[in-house]
């Protein structure tokens, strides 16, 4: 052991000083996953492991958290280490590897918002006609029960064209308590995962020219209030927006330091769709991929910006298989000169000079370009699809979008087979969706509490039939006594509850915790 401790000292002195902090990753943070048989207790660290004690002292490790619990056993063993000596991160990776207590150690990537500067002003909202959303609205104008989480740098919950569609958490009261037991106190409209508070709005000092307008702009494209006589029309019309802020107030809003914490919160909040207008080329992030897969397995549709580097290099999270990756086109269906392309792109959508909401202490509007704008547009269409048939799986929603796209190869002869299935068409994607009797009778009056639950789930209506499936779709045993469900025998995680009442079928996400 003393030789290993000596090696740590030599490693720090010889390597640490030449390390530089990588702008692709978050400073002073590292993800580490314990081995299944590890004896290291990181929840309440008892300082009995001398090697780890040495690492704590040498690298200034001052905090350890377990941020992604309840999704699967792998993430339950995943911890985030905060340390002061940010320039020594590569040395810390080597030292932790020597402990033989971890089966995964990885730097935590940060992400940048994917918009490009405004260059020219086009007619307001040309993109609505381009994707044929007016005819799509004749089929459905969306439903507030379908929730789109805008996981971004910040989202204004008070903008005049957003506030009517902002999520109002029905299970949270204004009493300084975590009434719904989801780990977030008073998350009435969303959460700020970067500053760990219940205000997902941009900082009050942010101007309409700042990066902090990004998330609000995306929210307006996806589900801004429509047919209200003011401002813009959101593609999702009546969809509900869950606001998730991932950039700290003391930043410029360009860098998302807590993007996957935002995805995790959206899962806990019961989002049906997660829109991620950010990305990075730092490579595969195993922990992030696990979170993304858990969300998809829970039935959440995931959509991400394909990137603005005009390259075919994979960008994450867009390139993960369970995510719908979106590239950008202009008003002539030509690939935007900034848009990425290649095999990981699933669909193209308008992304040049899109007009939407801006936040900055007021109710402004303006134009932005980027795959960041294309992403929430696709999220809005996905919300319309789920309104028409809430039973569709993420894979089925993805197929509806891709199989009904407009071919734009003729407009892009040098990008054949590199622009996904083509440019999205909202009307075609909605037209012909089967809506079973079960789906048509879907209602949302079956309140259930508490959720997350530690074992006993109460319903205010007694269902005549009920099923529960885990994130893999496997049927679970349910112990039902009247309007009470006993879930003590189930492992922690997310489940899908389907209940038949005298008013029809309902589908809800249930979270089981200790």
Protein backbone atom coordinates (compact mmCIF):
# COMPACT_ATOMS: atom_id res chain seq x y z
CA UNK A 1 0.00 0.00 0.00
CA UNK A 2 2.79 2.45 0.85
CA UNK A 3 4.20 2.02 -2.64
CA UNK A 4 0.85 2.93 -4.16
CA UNK A 5 0.65 6.02 -1.92
CA UNK A 6 4.16 6.98 -3.03
CA UNK A 7 3.09 6.48 -6.63
CA UNK A 8 0.19 8.87 -6.10
CA UNK A 9 2.58 11.56 -4.90
CA UNK A 10 4.96 11.01 -7.84
CA UNK A 11 2.04 10.98 -10.28
CA UNK A 12 0.70 14.31 -9.05
CA UNK A 13 4.11 15.98 -9.06
CA UNK A 14 5.15 14.73 -12.49
CA UNK A 15 1.86 14.80 -14.41
CA UNK A 16 -0.47 17.14 -12.62
CA UNK A 17 1.36 20.36 -13.40
CA UNK A 18 1.18 19.80 -17.14
CA UNK A 19 -2.56 19.12 -17.20
CA UNK A 20 -4.89 21.67 -18.71
CA UNK A 21 -8.62 21.90 -18.13
CA UNK A 22 -10.57 20.68 -21.19
CA UNK A 23 -13.39 22.99 -22.29
CA UNK A 24 -15.40 19.93 -23.39
CA UNK A 25 -15.81 18.81 -19.78
CA UNK A 26 -17.10 20.27 -16.52
CA UNK A 27 -14.32 21.56 -14.28
CA UNK A 28 -13.81 19.89 -10.92
CA UNK A 29 -16.24 16.98 -11.45
CA UNK A 30 -15.78 13.30 -12.17
CA UNK A 31 -18.17 10.37 -12.51
CA UNK A 32 -17.20 7.10 -10.80
CA UNK A 33 -19.24 3.88 -10.63
CA UNK A 34 -18.56 1.37 -7.86
CA UNK A 35 -17.94 -2.30 -8.61
CA UNK A 36 -20.86 -4.56 -7.71
CA UNK A 37 -18.77 -6.08 -4.91
CA UNK A 38 -17.05 -2.89 -3.76
CA UNK A 39 -16.70 -2.33 0.00
CA UNK A 40 -16.20 1.41 -0.40
CA UNK A 41 -19.13 3.29 1.13
CA UNK A 42 -19.54 6.62 -0.65
CA UNK A 43 -22.99 7.48 0.71
CA UNK A 44 -21.64 8.07 4.21
CA UNK A 45 -17.91 7.80 3.67
CA UNK A 46 -16.29 6.56 6.89
CA UNK A 47 -12.64 7.40 6.02
CA UNK A 48 -11.35 3.85 6.52
CA UNK A 49 -9.86 3.44 3.04
CA UNK A 50 -6.35 4.92 3.23
CA UNK A 51 -5.88 5.15 -0.53
CA UNK A 52 -9.14 6.99 -1.02
CA UNK A 53 -8.30 9.23 1.94
CA UNK A 54 -5.06 10.13 0.21
CA UNK A 55 -6.94 10.99 -2.98
CA UNK A 56 -9.38 13.16 -0.99
CA UNK A 57 -6.51 15.13 0.50
CA UNK A 58 -4.32 15.34 -2.60
CA UNK A 59 -7.02 16.36 -5.06
CA UNK A 60 -9.26 18.35 -2.72
CA UNK A 61 -12.30 16.09 -3.03
CA UNK A 62 -14.80 17.97 -0.90
CA UNK A 63 -18.18 16.53 -1.90
CA UNK A 64 -19.64 13.26 -3.18
CA UNK A 65 -23.20 12.83 -4.46
CA UNK A 66 -25.32 9.99 -5.82
CA UNK A 67 -27.32 11.99 -8.38
CA UNK A 68 -29.08 9.44 -10.62
CA UNK A 69 -30.67 6.91 -8.27
CA UNK A 70 -33.88 4.99 -8.92
CA UNK A 71 -33.49 4.38 -12.66
CA UNK A 72 -31.43 1.17 -12.65
CA UNK A 73 -28.86 -0.65 -10.52
CA UNK A 74 -25.95 0.67 -12.57
CA UNK A 75 -26.90 4.30 -11.95
CA UNK A 76 -27.57 3.51 -8.27
CA UNK A 77 -23.83 2.74 -8.00
CA UNK A 78 -22.84 5.89 -9.90
CA UNK A 79 -21.40 8.83 -7.97
CA UNK A 80 -20.26 12.34 -8.78
CA UNK A 81 -17.03 13.56 -7.16
CA UNK A 82 -16.42 17.29 -6.71
CA UNK A 83 -12.78 18.32 -6.29
CA UNK A 84 -10.85 21.57 -6.08
CA UNK A 85 -7.75 20.66 -8.10
CA UNK A 86 -9.56 20.79 -11.46
CA UNK A 87 -6.33 20.78 -13.48
CA UNK A 88 -5.40 17.38 -12.00
CA UNK A 89 -8.44 15.54 -13.34
CA UNK A 90 -6.46 13.09 -15.50
CA UNK A 91 -4.22 12.25 -12.55
CA UNK A 92 -7.29 11.64 -10.39
CA UNK A 93 -8.65 9.21 -12.98
CA UNK A 94 -5.43 7.19 -12.76
CA UNK A 95 -5.42 7.23 -8.97
CA UNK A 96 -9.04 6.07 -8.69
CA UNK A 97 -8.31 3.29 -11.16
CA UNK A 98 -5.57 2.02 -8.81
CA UNK A 99 -8.15 1.54 -6.04
CA UNK A 100 -9.83 -1.33 -7.94
CA UNK A 101 -13.14 -0.23 -6.40
CA UNK A 102 -14.67 1.23 -9.58
CA UNK A 103 -15.72 -0.35 -12.87
CA UNK A 104 -16.25 3.02 -14.57
CA UNK A 105 -14.45 6.35 -14.18
CA UNK A 106 -15.16 9.11 -16.69
CA UNK A 107 -14.93 12.83 -17.12
CA UNK A 108 -18.31 14.53 -17.17
CA UNK A 109 -18.95 16.37 -20.43
CA UNK A 110 -20.53 19.79 -20.51
CA UNK A 111 -22.61 20.88 -23.47
CA UNK A 112 -23.05 24.01 -25.50
CA UNK A 113 -26.32 25.41 -26.79
CA UNK A 114 -26.55 24.78 -30.53
CA UNK A 115 -27.78 28.05 -32.01
CA UNK A 116 -25.95 30.20 -34.54
CA UNK A 117 -25.91 34.00 -34.85
CA UNK A 118 -28.78 35.81 -36.60
CA UNK A 119 -27.83 36.98 -40.06
CA UNK A 120 -31.00 38.00 -41.86
CA UNK A 121 -34.66 38.43 -41.02
CA UNK A 122 -37.18 36.27 -42.84
CA UNK A 123 -40.99 36.39 -42.69
CA UNK A 124 -42.39 35.37 -39.32
CA UNK A 125 -42.76 31.61 -38.77
CA UNK A 126 -42.34 30.47 -42.36
CA UNK A 127 -41.56 27.02 -41.00
CA UNK A 128 -45.15 26.26 -39.93
CA UNK A 129 -46.34 26.07 -43.53
CA UNK A 130 -43.19 24.26 -44.63
CA UNK A 131 -43.92 21.29 -42.34
CA UNK A 132 -47.69 21.44 -43.11
CA UNK A 133 -48.64 21.90 -39.46
CA UNK A 134 -51.85 23.82 -40.27
CA UNK A 135 -53.37 20.68 -41.77
CA UNK A 136 -51.93 18.68 -38.89
CA UNK A 137 -53.83 20.93 -36.44
CA UNK A 138 -57.06 19.91 -38.19
CA UNK A 139 -56.35 16.40 -36.89
CA UNK A 140 -55.31 17.46 -33.39
CA UNK A 141 -54.26 20.67 -31.69
CA UNK A 142 -52.38 18.94 -28.92
CA UNK A 143 -53.35 18.12 -25.36
CA UNK A 144 -52.08 19.59 -22.10
CA UNK A 145 -51.71 16.10 -20.64
CA UNK A 146 -48.73 15.57 -22.97
CA UNK A 147 -45.68 17.15 -21.30
CA UNK A 148 -42.61 18.35 -23.17
CA UNK A 149 -39.55 18.98 -20.99
CA UNK A 150 -37.36 21.73 -22.43
CA UNK A 151 -34.00 20.76 -20.92
CA UNK A 152 -31.91 23.82 -21.70
CA UNK A 153 -29.98 26.71 -20.16
CA UNK A 154 -33.20 28.32 -18.84
CA UNK A 155 -36.88 28.76 -19.76
CA UNK A 156 -39.07 31.75 -18.98
CA UNK A 157 -42.21 30.62 -17.18
CA UNK A 158 -43.72 34.13 -17.27
CA UNK A 159 -43.38 35.08 -20.95
CA UNK A 160 -46.81 36.13 -22.26
CA UNK A 161 -46.70 33.48 -24.99
CA UNK A 162 -45.54 30.63 -22.75
CA UNK A 163 -47.14 31.01 -19.32
CA UNK A 164 -50.49 29.49 -20.32
CA UNK A 165 -48.75 26.27 -21.35
CA UNK A 166 -46.18 26.04 -18.54
CA UNK A 167 -46.53 22.96 -16.35
CA UNK A 168 -48.28 23.47 -13.04
CA UNK A 169 -47.25 20.56 -10.81
CA UNK A 170 -50.55 19.26 -9.36
CA UNK A 171 -48.82 17.30 -6.60
CA UNK A 172 -46.86 20.18 -5.07
CA UNK A 173 -48.28 22.70 -2.55
CA UNK A 174 -46.71 26.00 -1.53
CA UNK A 175 -45.63 24.86 1.92
CA UNK A 176 -41.82 24.46 1.70
CA UNK A 177 -42.27 20.67 1.65
CA UNK A 178 -41.53 18.12 -1.04
CA UNK A 179 -45.18 17.04 -1.28
CA UNK A 180 -44.75 14.65 -4.21
CA UNK A 181 -41.56 13.16 -2.69
CA UNK A 182 -39.61 13.41 -5.92
CA UNK A 183 -36.61 15.02 -4.23
CA UNK A 184 -37.40 18.56 -5.45
CA UNK A 185 -39.17 20.91 -3.04
CA UNK A 186 -41.79 23.20 -4.57
CA UNK A 187 -40.98 22.35 -8.17
CA UNK A 188 -44.18 24.06 -9.29
CA UNK A 189 -43.19 24.65 -12.93
CA UNK A 190 -39.84 22.88 -13.27
CA UNK A 191 -36.39 23.03 -11.70
CA UNK A 192 -33.02 24.73 -11.88
CA UNK A 193 -30.65 21.76 -11.65
CA UNK A 194 -27.58 23.98 -11.97
CA UNK A 195 -28.36 26.18 -8.95
CA UNK A 196 -30.55 23.56 -7.22
CA UNK A 197 -33.62 25.71 -6.74
CA UNK A 198 -37.18 25.88 -8.07
CA UNK A 199 -36.65 28.86 -10.39
CA UNK A 200 -35.95 27.65 -13.96
CA UNK A 201 -36.14 31.20 -15.37
CA UNK A 202 -33.15 33.03 -16.83
CA UNK A 203 -31.39 35.33 -14.35
CA UNK A 204 -33.12 38.69 -14.02
CA UNK A 205 -30.06 40.44 -15.43
CA UNK A 206 -30.08 38.45 -18.71
CA UNK A 207 -30.70 40.62 -21.77
CA UNK A 208 -32.61 39.58 -24.88
CA UNK A 209 -29.27 39.42 -26.70
CA UNK A 210 -27.77 36.93 -24.25
CA UNK A 211 -27.38 33.16 -24.58
CA UNK A 212 -29.97 32.80 -21.81
CA UNK A 213 -32.72 33.45 -24.37
CA UNK A 214 -31.96 30.06 -25.92
CA UNK A 215 -34.23 27.80 -23.86
CA UNK A 216 -37.15 30.23 -24.00
CA UNK A 217 -36.83 30.43 -27.79
CA UNK A 218 -36.88 26.62 -28.00
CA UNK A 219 -39.91 26.41 -25.69
CA UNK A 220 -41.85 28.80 -27.91
CA UNK A 221 -41.12 26.79 -31.05
CA UNK A 222 -42.19 23.55 -29.40
CA UNK A 223 -45.27 24.58 -27.44
CA UNK A 224 -45.81 28.32 -27.31
CA UNK A 225 -49.42 29.37 -26.69
CA UNK A 226 -51.38 29.20 -29.93
CA UNK A 227 -54.57 30.93 -31.03
CA UNK A 228 -54.25 33.50 -28.22
CA UNK A 229 -54.11 36.58 -30.43
CA UNK A 230 -50.51 37.52 -29.60
CA UNK A 231 -46.98 36.68 -30.66
CA UNK A 232 -46.16 33.28 -32.10
CA UNK A 233 -47.83 29.89 -32.54
CA UNK A 234 -46.09 26.86 -31.06
CA UNK A 235 -46.03 23.71 -33.16
CA UNK A 236 -47.42 21.68 -30.24
CA UNK A 237 -50.32 24.15 -29.80
CA UNK A 238 -51.73 23.03 -26.40
CA UNK A 239 -48.85 20.87 -25.11
CA UNK A 240 -47.53 21.44 -21.59
CA UNK A 241 -43.96 22.72 -21.07
CA UNK A 242 -41.80 21.50 -18.16
CA UNK A 243 -39.06 24.10 -17.70
CA UNK A 244 -35.62 22.69 -16.81
CA UNK A 245 -32.65 25.03 -16.30
CA UNK A 246 -29.14 23.55 -16.67
CA UNK A 247 -26.85 26.62 -16.63
CA UNK A 248 -26.01 28.50 -13.41
CA UNK A 249 -27.10 32.10 -12.93
CA UNK A 250 -23.49 33.28 -12.60
CA UNK A 251 -22.62 32.09 -16.13
CA UNK A 252 -23.30 33.52 -19.59
CA UNK A 253 -25.72 30.68 -20.36
CA UNK A 254 -23.75 29.22 -23.25
CA UNK A 255 -22.39 26.20 -21.35
CA UNK A 256 -24.74 23.61 -19.81
CA UNK A 257 -22.91 22.23 -16.79
CA UNK A 258 -25.79 20.03 -15.60
CA UNK A 259 -27.43 18.77 -18.77
CA UNK A 260 -27.93 15.15 -17.68
CA UNK A 261 -29.15 16.27 -14.26
CA UNK A 262 -31.81 18.07 -16.29
CA UNK A 263 -32.72 14.89 -18.15
CA UNK A 264 -32.90 13.05 -14.84
CA UNK A 265 -35.23 15.69 -13.39
CA UNK A 266 -37.46 15.51 -16.48
CA UNK A 267 -37.82 11.76 -15.91
CA UNK A 268 -38.81 12.34 -12.28
CA UNK A 269 -41.30 15.04 -13.31
CA UNK A 270 -43.12 12.63 -15.63
CA UNK A 271 -42.18 14.14 -18.99
CA UNK A 272 -43.51 12.41 -22.10
CA UNK A 273 -40.97 14.09 -24.39
CA UNK A 274 -37.54 15.52 -23.61
CA UNK A 275 -36.15 18.15 -25.98
CA UNK A 276 -32.36 18.58 -25.81
CA UNK A 277 -31.06 21.48 -27.93
CA UNK A 278 -27.44 20.93 -26.96
CA UNK A 279 -24.61 18.59 -27.70
CA UNK A 280 -20.91 17.91 -27.66
CA UNK A 281 -18.30 15.93 -29.52
CA UNK A 282 -16.44 14.74 -26.41
CA UNK A 283 -17.28 11.15 -27.24
CA UNK A 284 -19.36 8.46 -25.59
CA UNK A 285 -20.35 9.25 -21.99
CA UNK A 286 -21.43 5.94 -20.47
CA UNK A 287 -23.37 7.46 -17.58
CA UNK A 288 -25.24 9.81 -19.91
CA UNK A 289 -26.09 6.96 -22.25
CA UNK A 290 -27.44 4.96 -19.32
CA UNK A 291 -29.68 7.85 -18.27
CA UNK A 292 -30.90 8.30 -21.85
CA UNK A 293 -31.66 4.58 -22.18
CA UNK A 294 -33.52 4.55 -18.86
CA UNK A 295 -35.66 7.45 -20.06
CA UNK A 296 -36.44 5.70 -23.33
CA UNK A 297 -37.25 2.43 -21.54
CA UNK A 298 -39.68 4.40 -19.36
CA UNK A 299 -41.56 5.41 -22.51
CA UNK A 300 -40.15 8.94 -22.93
CA UNK A 301 -39.51 10.25 -26.45
CA UNK A 302 -36.01 11.79 -26.65
CA UNK A 303 -35.07 14.40 -29.25
CA UNK A 304 -31.72 16.18 -29.63
CA UNK A 305 -30.05 18.76 -31.83
CA UNK A 306 -27.73 17.19 -34.39
CA UNK A 307 -25.08 19.92 -34.08
CA UNK A 308 -23.90 22.99 -36.01
CA UNK A 309 -20.36 22.09 -37.05
CA UNK A 310 -21.17 21.11 -40.67
CA UNK A 311 -19.59 17.72 -40.04
CA UNK A 312 -20.59 14.07 -40.05
CA UNK A 313 -18.82 13.40 -36.75
CA UNK A 314 -21.13 11.94 -34.11
CA UNK A 315 -22.54 14.47 -31.62
CA UNK A 316 -23.98 13.33 -28.30
CA UNK A 317 -26.68 12.88 -27.05
CA UNK A 318 -28.06 13.03 -30.60
CA UNK A 319 -26.04 10.01 -31.75
CA UNK A 320 -27.36 7.67 -29.04
CA UNK A 321 -29.62 5.05 -30.70
CA UNK A 322 -32.70 5.85 -28.59
CA UNK A 323 -32.58 9.58 -29.44
CA UNK A 324 -34.15 11.25 -32.49
CA UNK A 325 -31.27 13.27 -33.98
CA UNK A 326 -32.35 16.41 -35.85
CA UNK A 327 -30.51 18.35 -38.55
CA UNK A 328 -31.48 21.76 -39.94
CA UNK A 329 -32.82 22.94 -43.29
CA UNK A 330 -33.69 26.36 -44.71
CA UNK A 331 -36.92 27.61 -46.31
CA UNK A 332 -35.99 25.91 -49.59
CA UNK A 333 -35.37 22.50 -47.96
CA UNK A 334 -31.62 22.88 -48.48
CA UNK A 335 -29.36 21.70 -45.67
CA UNK A 336 -28.38 24.67 -43.54
CA UNK A 337 -24.73 25.51 -44.16
CA UNK A 338 -24.00 24.94 -40.45
CA UNK A 339 -26.00 21.75 -39.93
CA UNK A 340 -24.32 18.44 -39.24
CA UNK A 341 -25.16 15.46 -41.42
CA UNK A 342 -24.35 11.77 -41.65
CA UNK A 343 -25.53 8.35 -40.56
CA UNK A 344 -26.63 9.35 -37.05
CA UNK A 345 -29.07 12.03 -38.26
CA UNK A 346 -32.67 10.73 -38.21
CA UNK A 347 -34.69 13.66 -39.54
CA UNK A 348 -34.25 17.18 -40.85
CA UNK A 349 -36.39 20.15 -39.82
CA UNK A 350 -36.44 23.90 -40.46
CA UNK A 351 -33.70 25.62 -38.47
CA UNK A 352 -32.77 28.85 -40.27
CA UNK A 353 -34.18 32.11 -38.91
CA UNK A 354 -37.01 30.69 -36.82
CA UNK A 355 -39.13 33.30 -35.06
CA UNK A 356 -40.02 32.62 -31.42
CA UNK A 357 -40.04 33.94 -27.86
CA UNK A 358 -37.10 35.70 -26.23
CA UNK A 359 -36.59 36.21 -22.52
CA UNK A 360 -34.74 39.07 -20.94
CA UNK A 361 -36.98 40.76 -18.46
CA UNK A 362 -39.85 41.09 -20.91
CA UNK A 363 -42.03 39.47 -23.54
CA UNK A 364 -39.76 39.82 -26.53
CA UNK A 365 -39.55 37.89 -29.80
CA UNK A 366 -36.80 37.32 -32.29
CA UNK A 367 -35.07 35.08 -34.81
CA UNK A 368 -32.54 32.36 -34.11
CA UNK A 369 -30.92 29.70 -36.27
CA UNK A 370 -29.46 26.30 -35.48
CA UNK A 371 -30.27 22.65 -35.01
CA UNK A 372 -31.29 23.87 -31.55
CA UNK A 373 -34.36 25.37 -33.22
CA UNK A 374 -35.02 22.28 -35.35
CA UNK A 375 -35.01 20.03 -32.28
CA UNK A 376 -38.00 21.54 -30.39
CA UNK A 377 -39.93 21.76 -33.65
CA UNK A 378 -39.68 17.97 -33.93
CA UNK A 379 -40.56 17.73 -30.23
CA UNK A 380 -43.76 19.67 -30.92
CA UNK A 381 -44.72 17.27 -33.71
CA UNK A 382 -43.96 14.32 -31.43
CA UNK A 383 -46.34 15.84 -28.89
CA UNK A 384 -49.11 16.04 -31.48
CA UNK A 385 -48.49 12.37 -32.34
CA UNK A 386 -48.75 11.34 -28.67
CA UNK A 387 -51.92 13.40 -28.32
CA UNK A 388 -53.44 11.41 -31.14
CA UNK A 389 -52.29 8.08 -29.66
CA UNK A 390 -50.69 8.14 -26.16
CA UNK A 391 -50.02 4.40 -26.37
CA UNK A 392 -47.27 4.76 -28.96
CA UNK A 393 -43.78 3.80 -27.79
CA UNK A 394 -40.74 6.04 -28.41
CA UNK A 395 -39.71 3.71 -31.24
CA UNK A 396 -43.16 4.00 -32.82
CA UNK A 397 -43.13 7.80 -32.55
CA UNK A 398 -39.71 7.86 -34.18
CA UNK A 399 -40.98 5.64 -36.98
CA UNK A 400 -44.04 7.86 -37.57
CA UNK A 401 -41.77 10.87 -37.95
CA UNK A 402 -39.22 9.19 -40.22
CA UNK A 403 -41.59 7.12 -42.36
CA UNK A 404 -43.69 10.17 -43.27
CA UNK A 405 -40.92 12.66 -44.02
CA UNK A 406 -40.63 14.55 -47.31
CA UNK A 407 -37.73 13.47 -49.50
CA UNK A 408 -35.31 16.36 -50.04
CA UNK A 409 -32.54 14.52 -51.92
CA UNK A 410 -33.18 16.56 -55.07
CA UNK A 411 -32.48 19.77 -53.18
CA UNK A 412 -29.33 18.28 -51.60
CA UNK A 413 -27.59 16.13 -54.24
CA UNK A 414 -24.26 16.12 -52.39
CA UNK A 415 -25.85 14.80 -49.18
CA UNK A 416 -27.72 11.74 -50.42
CA UNK A 417 -28.36 9.30 -47.54
CA UNK A 418 -26.79 11.79 -45.10
CA UNK A 419 -29.89 13.77 -44.10
CA UNK A 420 -31.84 11.09 -42.33
CA UNK A 421 -35.30 10.26 -43.65
CA UNK A 422 -35.79 13.75 -45.08
CA UNK A 423 -37.58 16.89 -43.86
CA UNK A 424 -40.33 16.39 -41.27
CA UNK A 425 -43.96 16.67 -42.36
CA UNK A 426 -46.35 17.11 -39.43
CA UNK A 427 -49.54 16.37 -41.37
CA UNK A 428 -48.23 13.14 -42.90
CA UNK A 429 -46.89 12.02 -39.52
CA UNK A 430 -50.32 12.45 -37.93
CA UNK A 431 -52.53 11.35 -40.80
CA UNK A 432 -53.74 7.78 -40.40
CA UNK A 433 -52.60 7.19 -36.82
CA UNK A 434 -54.86 4.53 -35.37
CA UNK A 435 -56.67 5.55 -32.20
CA UNK A 436 -58.11 2.49 -30.46
CA UNK A 437 -61.20 2.59 -28.28
CA UNK A 438 -58.83 2.23 -25.34
CA UNK A 439 -56.91 5.34 -26.37
CA UNK A 440 -60.00 7.41 -27.15
CA UNK A 441 -61.31 6.75 -23.66
CA UNK A 442 -58.05 7.71 -22.01
CA UNK A 443 -58.72 10.11 -19.16
CA UNK A 444 -56.60 11.70 -16.48
CA UNK A 445 -58.76 11.69 -13.38
CA UNK A 446 -57.08 8.82 -11.56
CA UNK A 447 -54.91 10.65 -9.06
CA UNK A 448 -52.22 8.57 -7.39
CA UNK A 449 -50.08 9.48 -4.40
CA UNK A 450 -47.45 9.67 -3.16
CA UNK A 451 -45.35 9.44 -6.31
CA UNK A 452 -42.47 8.62 -5.94
CA UNK A 453 -43.68 6.02 -3.48
CA UNK A 454 -41.80 4.05 -0.83
CA UNK A 455 -44.17 1.10 -1.13
CA UNK A 456 -47.81 2.08 -0.71
CA UNK A 457 -49.54 3.82 -3.61
CA UNK A 458 -53.04 5.19 -3.11
CA UNK A 459 -55.57 5.90 -5.86
CA UNK A 460 -58.60 8.12 -5.49
CA UNK A 461 -60.56 5.79 -7.79
CA UNK A 462 -60.68 2.01 -7.56
CA UNK A 463 -59.64 0.52 -10.93
CA UNK A 464 -61.37 -2.57 -12.26
CA UNK A 465 -58.19 -3.74 -13.98
CA UNK A 466 -54.57 -2.75 -13.45
CA UNK A 467 -51.15 -3.73 -14.84
CA UNK A 468 -47.65 -2.62 -13.93
CA UNK A 469 -44.57 -3.00 -16.13
CA UNK A 470 -40.92 -2.17 -15.48
CA UNK A 471 -38.61 -0.15 -17.74
CA UNK A 472 -37.95 -3.29 -19.82
CA UNK A 473 -41.67 -3.79 -20.42
CA UNK A 474 -41.84 -6.85 -18.15
CA UNK A 475 -45.10 -7.43 -16.25
CA UNK A 476 -44.81 -7.01 -12.47
CA UNK A 477 -46.92 -8.60 -9.74
CA UNK A 478 -49.35 -6.10 -8.24
CA UNK A 479 -50.87 -6.50 -4.78
CA UNK A 480 -54.13 -4.52 -4.86
CA UNK A 481 -56.38 -3.95 -1.85
CA UNK A 482 -59.25 -1.64 -2.79
CA UNK A 483 -57.70 1.61 -3.94
CA UNK A 484 -54.29 0.78 -2.45
CA UNK A 485 -51.35 -0.83 -4.24
CA UNK A 486 -48.59 -2.49 -2.21
CA UNK A 487 -45.29 -2.14 -4.10
CA UNK A 488 -42.92 -3.01 -1.25
CA UNK A 489 -41.83 -6.21 -3.01
CA UNK A 490 -40.62 -4.34 -6.10
CA UNK A 491 -37.05 -3.07 -6.59
CA UNK A 492 -36.47 0.66 -6.84
CA UNK A 493 -37.02 2.12 -10.28
CA UNK A 494 -39.58 3.52 -12.71
CA UNK A 495 -42.73 1.61 -13.68
CA UNK A 496 -45.65 2.15 -16.04
CA UNK A 497 -49.10 1.83 -14.46
CA UNK A 498 -52.11 1.10 -16.70
CA UNK A 499 -55.44 1.29 -14.90
CA UNK A 500 -59.00 0.73 -16.16
CA UNK A 501 -61.70 2.75 -14.40
CA UNK A 502 -65.35 3.30 -15.24
CA UNK A 503 -64.19 6.28 -17.31
CA UNK A 504 -61.66 4.39 -19.39
CA UNK A 505 -57.97 3.52 -19.42
CA UNK A 506 -55.18 5.61 -17.97
CA UNK A 507 -51.39 5.39 -18.21
CA UNK A 508 -49.06 6.85 -15.56
CA UNK A 509 -45.38 6.65 -14.64
CA UNK A 510 -44.68 5.43 -11.10
CA UNK A 511 -41.35 5.82 -9.29
CA UNK A 512 -40.48 3.38 -6.46
CA UNK A 513 -37.81 4.53 -3.98
CA UNK A 514 -36.55 3.37 -0.59
